[in-house]
Protein backbone atom coordinates (compact mmCIF):
# COMPACT_ATOMS: atom_id res chain seq x y z
CA UNK A 1 14.89 -1.89 -22.35
CA UNK A 2 18.64 -1.27 -21.88
CA UNK A 3 18.64 1.35 -24.63
CA UNK A 4 15.62 3.03 -23.03
CA UNK A 5 17.44 3.26 -19.70
CA UNK A 6 20.40 4.80 -21.49
CA UNK A 7 18.06 7.30 -23.14
CA UNK A 8 16.58 8.17 -19.74
CA UNK A 9 20.03 9.06 -18.40
CA UNK A 10 20.93 10.98 -21.54
CA UNK A 11 18.02 13.40 -21.04
CA UNK A 12 19.09 15.95 -18.36
CA UNK A 13 15.59 16.48 -16.91
CA UNK A 14 14.81 12.77 -16.61
CA UNK A 15 18.29 12.01 -15.28
CA UNK A 16 17.92 14.69 -12.60
CA UNK A 17 14.51 13.29 -11.58
CA UNK A 18 15.94 9.77 -11.26
CA UNK A 19 18.98 10.92 -9.28
CA UNK A 20 16.78 13.08 -7.03
CA UNK A 21 14.48 10.11 -6.31
CA UNK A 22 17.47 7.90 -5.51
CA UNK A 23 18.96 10.59 -3.25
CA UNK A 24 15.72 10.93 -1.23
CA UNK A 25 15.53 7.14 -0.79
CA UNK A 26 19.13 7.07 0.44
CA UNK A 27 18.37 9.88 2.92
CA UNK A 28 15.27 7.98 4.07
CA UNK A 29 17.29 4.83 4.71
CA UNK A 30 19.85 6.80 6.72
CA UNK A 31 17.06 8.31 8.84
CA UNK A 32 15.60 4.81 9.31
CA UNK A 33 18.72 3.94 11.32
CA UNK A 34 18.45 6.88 13.77
CA UNK A 35 16.88 5.31 16.91
CA UNK A 36 14.40 6.94 19.25
CA UNK A 37 15.91 8.03 22.56
CA UNK A 38 15.81 5.42 25.32
CA UNK A 39 15.05 2.37 23.12
CA UNK A 40 16.17 -1.03 24.38
CA UNK A 41 17.58 -2.44 21.13
CA UNK A 42 18.07 -5.91 22.62
CA UNK A 43 14.33 -6.17 23.36
CA UNK A 44 13.43 -4.96 19.84
CA UNK A 45 15.84 -7.44 18.21
CA UNK A 46 14.39 -10.27 20.28
CA UNK A 47 10.88 -9.44 19.08
CA UNK A 48 11.92 -9.59 15.44
CA UNK A 49 13.80 -12.84 15.99
CA UNK A 50 10.52 -14.37 17.18
CA UNK A 51 9.04 -13.68 13.72
CA UNK A 52 6.06 -11.49 14.63
CA UNK A 53 3.86 -10.88 11.58
CA UNK A 54 2.40 -7.53 12.65
CA UNK A 55 5.85 -6.09 13.23
CA UNK A 56 6.77 -7.16 9.71
CA UNK A 57 3.78 -5.23 8.32
CA UNK A 58 4.66 -2.13 10.33
CA UNK A 59 8.29 -2.50 9.25
CA UNK A 60 7.15 -2.76 5.62
CA UNK A 61 5.03 0.42 5.83
CA UNK A 62 7.85 2.31 7.56
CA UNK A 63 10.48 1.34 5.00
CA UNK A 64 12.48 -0.65 7.55
CA UNK A 65 12.23 1.91 10.38
CA UNK A 66 10.47 -0.36 12.89
CA UNK A 67 13.26 -2.95 13.01
CA UNK A 68 15.57 -0.21 14.35
CA UNK A 69 12.76 1.60 16.21
CA UNK A 70 13.98 4.76 14.53
CA UNK A 71 12.42 8.22 14.56
CA UNK A 72 10.44 7.14 11.45
CA UNK A 73 9.30 3.87 13.02
CA UNK A 74 5.72 4.75 12.06
CA UNK A 75 6.72 5.60 8.49
CA UNK A 76 3.86 7.07 6.44
CA UNK A 77 1.23 4.93 8.16
CA UNK A 78 -0.53 7.85 9.99
CA UNK A 79 -0.85 9.68 6.66
CA UNK A 80 -2.36 6.56 5.07
CA UNK A 81 -4.82 6.32 7.97
CA UNK A 82 -5.77 9.99 7.57
CA UNK A 83 -6.26 9.44 3.83
CA UNK A 84 -8.56 6.51 4.54
CA UNK A 85 -10.63 8.63 6.92
CA UNK A 86 -11.12 11.40 4.37
CA UNK A 87 -11.80 8.93 1.55
CA UNK A 88 -14.58 7.47 3.67
CA UNK A 89 -15.98 10.85 4.80
CA UNK A 90 -16.03 12.73 1.47
CA UNK A 91 -18.76 10.57 -0.21
CA UNK A 92 -20.80 10.58 3.03
CA UNK A 93 -20.66 14.28 4.01
CA UNK A 94 -22.16 16.54 1.30
CA UNK A 95 -20.17 19.59 2.48
CA UNK A 96 -16.85 17.78 1.99
CA UNK A 97 -17.96 16.49 -1.41
CA UNK A 98 -18.90 20.04 -2.45
CA UNK A 99 -15.51 21.36 -1.28
CA UNK A 100 -13.71 18.64 -3.25
CA UNK A 101 -15.49 19.66 -6.46
CA UNK A 102 -14.65 23.34 -6.05
CA UNK A 103 -11.59 24.81 -7.82
CA UNK A 104 -8.71 24.05 -5.51
CA UNK A 105 -10.91 21.82 -3.38
CA UNK A 106 -8.73 18.75 -3.84
CA UNK A 107 -5.71 20.69 -2.57
CA UNK A 108 -7.74 21.80 0.47
CA UNK A 109 -8.71 18.19 1.29
CA UNK A 110 -5.07 17.19 0.86
CA UNK A 111 -3.99 19.92 3.31
CA UNK A 112 -6.55 18.75 5.87
CA UNK A 113 -5.21 15.22 5.44
CA UNK A 114 -1.76 16.48 6.45
CA UNK A 115 -3.24 18.19 9.51
CA UNK A 116 -5.10 15.02 10.52
CA UNK A 117 -1.87 13.02 10.16
CA UNK A 118 -0.41 14.80 13.22
CA UNK A 119 -2.94 13.59 15.85
CA UNK A 120 -3.00 10.19 14.15
CA UNK A 121 0.80 10.05 14.53
CA UNK A 122 0.56 10.96 18.22
CA UNK A 123 -2.05 8.26 18.81
CA UNK A 124 -0.07 5.64 16.94
CA UNK A 125 3.17 6.52 18.74
CA UNK A 126 1.57 5.74 22.10
CA UNK A 127 -0.25 2.67 20.77
CA UNK A 128 2.80 1.28 18.97
CA UNK A 129 5.05 1.51 22.03
CA UNK A 130 2.38 -0.12 24.21
CA UNK A 131 1.91 -2.85 21.59
CA UNK A 132 5.66 -3.53 21.52
CA UNK A 133 5.73 -3.77 25.31
CA UNK A 134 2.79 -6.22 25.31
CA UNK A 135 4.34 -8.41 22.61
CA UNK A 136 7.73 -8.33 24.32
CA UNK A 137 6.16 -9.40 27.61
CA UNK A 138 3.80 -11.97 26.09
CA UNK A 139 5.60 -14.80 27.88
CA UNK A 140 4.99 -13.21 31.27
CA UNK A 141 8.28 -11.30 31.52
CA UNK A 142 8.22 -7.57 32.21
CA UNK A 143 10.00 -6.13 29.19
CA UNK A 144 9.87 -2.44 28.23
CA UNK A 145 10.98 -1.32 24.78
CA UNK A 146 11.48 2.21 26.21
CA UNK A 147 11.99 1.87 30.00
CA UNK A 148 10.25 4.71 31.80
CA UNK A 149 7.78 5.49 29.00
CA UNK A 150 4.48 6.56 30.56
CA UNK A 151 6.03 7.11 33.98
CA UNK A 152 8.65 9.72 33.09
CA UNK A 153 6.68 12.73 31.74
CA UNK A 154 9.63 14.42 30.00
CA UNK A 155 10.78 11.17 28.36
CA UNK A 156 7.22 10.36 27.22
CA UNK A 157 6.68 13.78 25.63
CA UNK A 158 10.13 13.67 23.98
CA UNK A 159 9.52 10.26 22.43
CA UNK A 160 6.02 11.18 21.16
CA UNK A 161 7.19 14.48 19.66
CA UNK A 162 10.22 12.80 18.08
CA UNK A 163 8.21 10.01 16.46
CA UNK A 164 5.52 12.44 15.26
CA UNK A 165 8.14 14.72 13.72
CA UNK A 166 9.77 11.70 12.08
CA UNK A 167 6.46 10.71 10.49
CA UNK A 168 5.89 14.21 9.09
CA UNK A 169 9.47 14.17 7.78
CA UNK A 170 8.79 10.86 6.00
CA UNK A 171 5.60 12.27 4.46
CA UNK A 172 7.49 15.37 3.32
CA UNK A 173 10.21 13.24 1.70
CA UNK A 174 7.51 11.25 -0.12
CA UNK A 175 5.92 14.46 -1.40
CA UNK A 176 9.32 15.67 -2.60
CA UNK A 177 9.65 12.54 -4.72
CA UNK A 178 6.15 13.08 -6.14
CA UNK A 179 6.85 16.71 -7.04
CA UNK A 180 10.49 16.65 -8.09
CA UNK A 181 11.24 12.98 -8.80
CA UNK A 182 9.65 10.06 -10.64
CA UNK A 183 6.56 8.18 -9.45
CA UNK A 184 4.30 8.42 -6.40
CA UNK A 185 6.54 9.26 -3.46
CA UNK A 186 4.57 7.48 -0.72
CA UNK A 187 4.33 4.29 -2.78
CA UNK A 188 8.03 4.44 -3.71
CA UNK A 189 9.04 4.74 -0.05
CA UNK A 190 6.97 1.65 0.80
CA UNK A 191 8.43 -0.09 -2.27
CA UNK A 192 11.98 0.75 -1.18
CA UNK A 193 11.26 -0.64 2.29
CA UNK A 194 10.04 -3.94 0.83
CA UNK A 195 13.05 -4.27 -1.44
CA UNK A 196 15.45 -3.34 1.38
CA UNK A 197 14.19 -5.94 3.87
CA UNK A 198 13.48 -8.80 1.40
CA UNK A 199 17.08 -10.19 1.37
CA UNK A 200 17.18 -10.12 5.17
CA UNK A 201 13.82 -11.93 5.31
CA UNK A 202 15.05 -14.61 2.91
CA UNK A 203 18.28 -15.16 4.88
CA UNK A 204 16.24 -15.42 8.09
CA UNK A 205 14.04 -18.04 6.41
CA UNK A 206 17.08 -20.11 5.40
CA UNK A 207 18.64 -19.87 8.87
CA UNK A 208 15.48 -21.09 10.60
CA UNK A 209 14.92 -24.08 8.29
CA UNK A 210 16.98 -27.06 7.24
CA UNK A 211 16.96 -30.20 5.10
CA UNK A 212 13.89 -30.98 3.03
CA UNK A 213 11.92 -28.12 4.55
CA UNK A 214 14.54 -25.58 3.44
CA UNK A 215 14.46 -26.94 -0.16
CA UNK A 216 10.67 -26.88 -0.05
CA UNK A 217 10.71 -23.24 1.09
CA UNK A 218 13.03 -22.26 -1.76
CA UNK A 219 10.67 -23.88 -4.29
CA UNK A 220 7.64 -22.22 -2.66
CA UNK A 221 9.33 -18.80 -2.66
CA UNK A 222 10.37 -19.04 -6.33
CA UNK A 223 6.97 -20.43 -7.36
CA UNK A 224 5.01 -17.75 -5.50
CA UNK A 225 7.20 -14.97 -6.88
CA UNK A 226 7.07 -16.08 -10.53
CA UNK A 227 3.37 -17.04 -10.65
CA UNK A 228 2.28 -13.98 -8.66
CA UNK A 229 4.23 -11.53 -10.83
CA UNK A 230 2.78 -13.02 -14.04
CA UNK A 231 -0.75 -13.01 -12.62
CA UNK A 232 -0.39 -9.49 -11.22
CA UNK A 233 0.79 -8.08 -14.55
CA UNK A 234 -2.05 -9.82 -16.43
CA UNK A 235 -4.71 -8.55 -14.04
CA UNK A 236 -3.21 -5.07 -13.69
CA UNK A 237 -3.08 -4.66 -17.49
CA UNK A 238 -6.43 -6.36 -18.20
CA UNK A 239 -9.15 -4.04 -19.55
CA UNK A 240 -12.77 -4.25 -20.69
CA UNK A 241 -13.39 -2.04 -23.71
CA UNK A 242 -16.80 -0.35 -23.91
CA UNK A 243 -17.51 0.90 -27.47
CA UNK A 244 -18.35 4.60 -27.86
CA UNK A 245 -19.85 6.30 -30.93
CA UNK A 246 -19.79 10.05 -31.57
CA UNK A 247 -22.66 11.59 -33.51
CA UNK A 248 -22.11 13.34 -36.82
CA UNK A 249 -22.40 17.11 -37.02
CA UNK A 250 -22.49 19.13 -40.23
CA UNK A 251 -21.30 22.72 -40.25
CA UNK A 252 -21.39 24.33 -43.63
CA UNK A 253 -19.76 21.94 -46.03
CA UNK A 254 -17.76 20.12 -43.38
CA UNK A 255 -18.75 17.10 -41.33
CA UNK A 256 -17.53 16.64 -37.78
CA UNK A 257 -17.71 13.64 -35.43
CA UNK A 258 -18.93 10.22 -36.39
CA UNK A 259 -15.81 8.55 -35.01
CA UNK A 260 -15.81 5.29 -33.06
CA UNK A 261 -13.65 4.66 -30.02
CA UNK A 262 -13.89 2.86 -26.67
CA UNK A 263 -13.63 3.39 -22.92
CA UNK A 264 -10.98 1.12 -21.36
CA UNK A 265 -12.21 -0.09 -17.96
CA UNK A 266 -9.44 -1.88 -16.05
CA UNK A 267 -10.05 -5.13 -14.20
CA UNK A 268 -8.18 -3.61 -11.27
CA UNK A 269 -8.55 0.16 -11.68
CA UNK A 270 -7.13 1.03 -8.25
CA UNK A 271 -3.86 -0.90 -8.38
CA UNK A 272 -2.24 -1.65 -5.03
CA UNK A 273 -4.09 1.04 -3.03
CA UNK A 274 -6.63 -1.40 -1.46
CA UNK A 275 -3.83 -3.66 -0.25
CA UNK A 276 -1.88 -0.79 1.28
CA UNK A 277 -5.00 0.44 3.05
CA UNK A 278 -6.12 -3.01 4.18
CA UNK A 279 -2.59 -3.69 5.47
CA UNK A 280 -2.93 -0.47 7.45
CA UNK A 281 -6.43 -1.15 8.78
CA UNK A 282 -5.67 -4.76 9.73
CA UNK A 283 -3.16 -3.45 12.29
CA UNK A 284 -5.93 -1.54 14.11
CA UNK A 285 -7.33 -4.50 16.14
CA UNK A 286 -3.95 -5.32 17.65
CA UNK A 287 -3.24 -1.65 18.42
CA UNK A 288 -6.72 -1.06 19.88
CA UNK A 289 -6.64 -4.23 21.99
CA UNK A 290 -3.19 -3.23 23.26
CA UNK A 291 -4.68 -0.01 24.66
CA UNK A 292 -7.49 -1.84 26.51
CA UNK A 293 -7.12 -3.36 29.99
CA UNK A 294 -5.27 -6.62 29.53
CA UNK A 295 -7.00 -9.93 30.24
CA UNK A 296 -7.03 -13.32 28.56
CA UNK A 297 -9.40 -12.22 25.78
CA UNK A 298 -7.66 -8.98 24.81
CA UNK A 299 -4.24 -10.64 25.09
CA UNK A 300 -5.31 -13.50 22.79
CA UNK A 301 -6.78 -11.07 20.25
CA UNK A 302 -3.64 -8.91 20.35
CA UNK A 303 -1.48 -11.98 19.80
CA UNK A 304 -3.69 -13.33 16.98
CA UNK A 305 -3.74 -10.09 14.98
CA UNK A 306 -0.20 -9.21 16.03
CA UNK A 307 1.31 -12.48 14.83
CA UNK A 308 -0.96 -12.75 11.75
CA UNK A 309 -2.21 -16.23 12.52
CA UNK A 310 -5.55 -17.95 12.63
CA UNK A 311 -8.57 -18.20 10.37
CA UNK A 312 -10.16 -15.03 11.80
CA UNK A 313 -7.20 -12.83 10.87
CA UNK A 314 -6.95 -14.05 7.26
CA UNK A 315 -10.74 -13.99 6.83
CA UNK A 316 -10.87 -10.33 7.94
CA UNK A 317 -7.86 -9.47 5.78
CA UNK A 318 -9.45 -11.02 2.67
CA UNK A 319 -12.75 -9.16 3.06
CA UNK A 320 -11.04 -5.88 3.91
CA UNK A 321 -9.07 -6.09 0.66
CA UNK A 322 -12.17 -7.15 -1.28
CA UNK A 323 -14.28 -4.30 0.17
CA UNK A 324 -11.63 -1.62 -0.31
CA UNK A 325 -11.22 -2.61 -3.96
CA UNK A 326 -14.94 -2.17 -4.62
CA UNK A 327 -15.10 1.07 -2.63
CA UNK A 328 -12.20 2.77 -4.42
CA UNK A 329 -13.33 1.53 -7.82
CA UNK A 330 -16.74 3.16 -7.27
CA UNK A 331 -15.12 6.37 -6.00
CA UNK A 332 -12.77 6.51 -8.98
CA UNK A 333 -15.54 5.94 -11.55
CA UNK A 334 -17.74 8.60 -9.90
CA UNK A 335 -14.89 11.13 -9.83
CA UNK A 336 -14.15 10.58 -13.53
CA UNK A 337 -17.72 11.48 -14.53
CA UNK A 338 -17.51 9.39 -17.71
CA UNK A 339 -21.24 9.60 -18.52
CA UNK A 340 -21.35 13.41 -18.20
CA UNK A 341 -18.20 13.84 -20.28
CA UNK A 342 -19.57 11.62 -23.04
CA UNK A 343 -22.86 13.53 -23.12
CA UNK A 344 -21.11 16.91 -23.31
CA UNK A 345 -18.90 15.72 -26.17
CA UNK A 346 -21.78 14.19 -28.13
CA UNK A 347 -20.72 10.60 -27.49
CA UNK A 348 -22.87 7.64 -26.57
CA UNK A 349 -22.65 3.89 -25.99
CA UNK A 350 -24.54 2.03 -28.75
CA UNK A 351 -27.87 0.79 -27.41
CA UNK A 352 -27.63 2.84 -24.17
CA UNK A 353 -29.32 6.20 -23.70
CA UNK A 354 -27.05 9.11 -22.66
CA UNK A 355 -27.18 10.42 -19.12
CA UNK A 356 -28.36 8.33 -16.17
CA UNK A 357 -28.69 5.11 -18.22
CA UNK A 358 -25.10 5.42 -19.42
CA UNK A 359 -23.87 6.11 -15.87
CA UNK A 360 -25.71 3.05 -14.53
CA UNK A 361 -24.37 0.89 -17.35
CA UNK A 362 -20.76 1.96 -16.77
CA UNK A 363 -21.14 1.38 -13.04
CA UNK A 364 -22.66 -2.07 -13.63
CA UNK A 365 -19.83 -3.12 -15.96
CA UNK A 366 -17.22 -1.69 -13.59
CA UNK A 367 -18.58 -3.61 -10.61
CA UNK A 368 -18.76 -6.82 -12.63
CA UNK A 369 -15.13 -6.72 -13.70
CA UNK A 370 -14.03 -5.31 -10.33
CA UNK A 371 -15.44 -8.47 -8.71
CA UNK A 372 -12.71 -10.42 -10.54
CA UNK A 373 -10.03 -7.90 -9.60
CA UNK A 374 -11.15 -7.72 -5.95
CA UNK A 375 -11.21 -11.51 -5.64
CA UNK A 376 -7.73 -11.70 -7.14
CA UNK A 377 -6.36 -9.08 -4.74
CA UNK A 378 -7.98 -10.86 -1.80
CA UNK A 379 -6.41 -14.20 -2.78
CA UNK A 380 -2.99 -12.58 -3.26
CA UNK A 381 -3.30 -10.96 0.17
CA UNK A 382 -3.96 -14.24 2.02
CA UNK A 383 -1.30 -16.35 0.27
CA UNK A 384 0.80 -16.50 3.50
CA UNK A 385 -2.22 -18.01 5.26
CA UNK A 386 -2.54 -20.74 2.60
CA UNK A 387 1.19 -21.50 2.75
CA UNK A 388 1.07 -21.58 6.56
CA UNK A 389 -1.76 -24.12 6.47
CA UNK A 390 0.19 -26.18 3.90
CA UNK A 391 3.27 -26.13 6.13
CA UNK A 392 1.25 -27.47 9.05
CA UNK A 393 -0.29 -30.18 6.86
CA UNK A 394 2.95 -31.39 5.25
CA UNK A 395 5.59 -30.73 7.91
CA UNK A 396 3.61 -29.99 11.08
CA UNK A 397 5.36 -26.60 11.23
CA UNK A 398 3.71 -23.63 12.95
CA UNK A 399 2.83 -20.69 10.69
CA UNK A 400 5.37 -18.15 11.87
CA UNK A 401 7.08 -15.57 9.71
CA UNK A 402 10.48 -17.22 10.13
CA UNK A 403 9.27 -20.53 8.67
CA UNK A 404 6.82 -19.31 6.00
CA UNK A 405 8.30 -18.57 2.57
CA UNK A 406 5.30 -16.40 1.66
CA UNK A 407 6.34 -13.87 4.32
CA UNK A 408 9.65 -13.06 2.59
CA UNK A 409 7.87 -10.51 0.40
CA UNK A 410 4.23 -11.55 0.68
CA UNK A 411 1.46 -11.32 -1.87
CA UNK A 412 0.66 -7.76 -0.82
CA UNK A 413 4.32 -6.81 -1.08
CA UNK A 414 4.56 -8.30 -4.56
CA UNK A 415 1.56 -6.32 -5.77
CA UNK A 416 3.01 -3.14 -4.32
CA UNK A 417 6.39 -3.83 -5.93
CA UNK A 418 4.95 -4.73 -9.35
CA UNK A 419 2.42 -1.88 -9.24
CA UNK A 420 5.04 0.73 -8.31
CA UNK A 421 7.45 -0.54 -10.98
CA UNK A 422 4.76 -0.42 -13.69
CA UNK A 423 3.57 3.03 -12.62
CA UNK A 424 7.13 4.39 -12.47
CA UNK A 425 8.02 2.94 -15.87
CA UNK A 426 4.92 4.53 -17.35
CA UNK A 427 5.91 7.91 -15.99
CA UNK A 428 9.40 7.45 -17.38
CA UNK A 429 7.89 6.42 -20.70
CA UNK A 430 5.80 9.60 -20.78
CA UNK A 431 8.90 11.69 -20.08
CA UNK A 432 10.79 9.99 -22.90
CA UNK A 433 7.93 10.11 -25.41
CA UNK A 434 7.69 13.88 -24.91
CA UNK A 435 11.29 14.04 -26.05
CA UNK A 436 10.76 11.68 -29.03
CA UNK A 437 12.53 8.73 -27.40
CA UNK A 438 11.15 5.20 -27.59
CA UNK A 439 9.62 4.33 -24.22
CA UNK A 440 10.08 1.42 -21.84
CA UNK A 441 6.77 -0.32 -22.43
CA UNK A 442 5.28 -1.69 -25.62
């Protein structure tokens, strides 16, 4: 491993990619500390001291920008939302599906996703500020994160334009990493945000606990981290091999084909994408309820989804993750066109007829193994809920972020971290193998 890292820095191209990625992340962190005009930092700090779970999710997706209410306080979240919308629309609308299959169609869909990110950023800027104001005034006090927002027209337009521009800047920086650096830029930005705020989260946990409960939290944090990482790696690398046979062809005196191989179907073929998307979607109820006229019902729902507490929240989160895993697995298998490719190349699965039967068989096997992967991702996602319930049972402690060891990184955060690390190491390995160096992974 150490020798492989040395090899990576000895190769000029790979070294430049690594340094470029690091430079973009440093720039992003600097931008994350540039506040929006007119922000009351004391009110924002007070909100985070109260250990609000939704703010932690938004802070995670923004790479730490929400805690400072910076110009990139929304991070890449509007882009993720726009991607979800198009991912849902393409299989449903035949015209979009036809465009995607055309030469250059994927690039066209990607460009439309960027365009859709702009109105989504405007909507979220208004909703996020209103949500902050509601959460800050949850105890009955009139607290405004940006005093005058909504009443002062010039200030309102300035803040919305600034936050929207910051989001597009964050998306652009992520795309720069994808094109010129190593790994998927959007995922790496989210990864960097998790890694950057984890030490602060752990220190906050230690400050807010003492005695036996503090020692218990340390054990829970270490146990969750070690067990989750091992389980994540096993599931992420687990595959089901479907045997494939190629028919023999004789041309002249030579014989072609007749080889045996297999199709590796992963237990979790979509990695951490369902968790990122479900983390994004789960913030919608709190944002939507914050825009509605406030009464006891909407205020309770905003608080429940905003503070990530209660059976309803974790139940919805589990099934969102489970459903997204199945959805993206089906989309990925359909886009690969494995059955058509096998038929064109003269391959077949023993005992299964080529064509529609092969496609149905692959889909059936994929859904069967995806059930295991989706269940695993769902369980990982709701680990903080289990730990919160355990805290109440053993210590009669409320399930807030500041007293729950599972919120330091969280199951979703661990999957994102492990997934991004594995994906980045694979890309580094590919770069090194092309230059006849031994890679990172065995």
